[in-house]
């Protein structure tokens, strides 16, 4: 296998939206949800959750 092809590819490109400090969760709720920003809370809803 030729590894030169892999060396030319970027590792990753991140896209991170800027968050405003609005609609923040209380500290206890933020710890449960894993984020303090309401807009970033996206619970996993895969087939295991159904």
Protein backbone atom coordinates (compact mmCIF):
# COMPACT_ATOMS: atom_id res chain seq x y z
CA UNK A 1 0.00 0.00 0.00
CA UNK A 2 1.32 3.45 -0.93
CA UNK A 3 1.28 5.74 2.13
CA UNK A 4 2.08 8.87 0.10
CA UNK A 5 -1.63 9.29 -0.65
CA UNK A 6 -2.47 9.48 3.07
CA UNK A 7 0.29 12.01 3.74
CA UNK A 8 -1.37 14.46 1.33
CA UNK A 9 -4.78 14.38 3.04
CA UNK A 10 -5.70 16.77 5.87
CA UNK A 11 -6.37 15.08 9.20
CA UNK A 12 -9.64 16.86 9.90
CA UNK A 13 -11.56 20.07 9.37
CA UNK A 14 -13.48 21.30 12.41
CA UNK A 15 -16.55 23.47 12.20
CA UNK A 16 -17.39 24.97 15.58
CA UNK A 17 -20.18 27.54 15.78
CA UNK A 18 -19.64 30.57 17.99
CA UNK A 19 -21.86 30.41 21.06
CA UNK A 20 -23.40 33.43 22.68
CA UNK A 21 -23.83 33.40 26.42
CA UNK A 22 -27.61 33.25 26.22
CA UNK A 23 -30.00 30.53 27.33
CA UNK A 24 -27.45 28.89 29.63
CA UNK A 25 -28.32 25.86 31.73
CA UNK A 26 -27.94 25.98 35.48
CA UNK A 27 -24.67 24.29 36.63
CA UNK A 28 -26.38 21.09 37.83
CA UNK A 29 -28.35 20.71 34.59
CA UNK A 30 -25.27 21.52 32.50
CA UNK A 31 -23.35 18.68 34.17
CA UNK A 32 -26.17 16.25 33.41
CA UNK A 33 -26.49 17.34 29.78
CA UNK A 34 -22.75 17.73 29.09
CA UNK A 35 -23.00 21.34 27.95
CA UNK A 36 -23.95 24.69 29.43
CA UNK A 37 -25.27 25.97 26.10
CA UNK A 38 -28.87 25.18 25.26
CA UNK A 39 -28.10 25.34 21.53
CA UNK A 40 -25.42 22.64 21.78
CA UNK A 41 -27.53 20.06 23.61
CA UNK A 42 -28.16 17.29 21.09
CA UNK A 43 -28.99 14.02 22.84
CA UNK A 44 -28.21 10.80 20.99
CA UNK A 45 -31.39 9.39 19.51
CA UNK A 46 -30.16 6.29 17.71
CA UNK A 47 -32.06 3.06 17.44
CA UNK A 48 -30.84 2.08 20.92
CA UNK A 49 -32.83 5.00 22.38
CA UNK A 50 -36.12 3.98 20.76
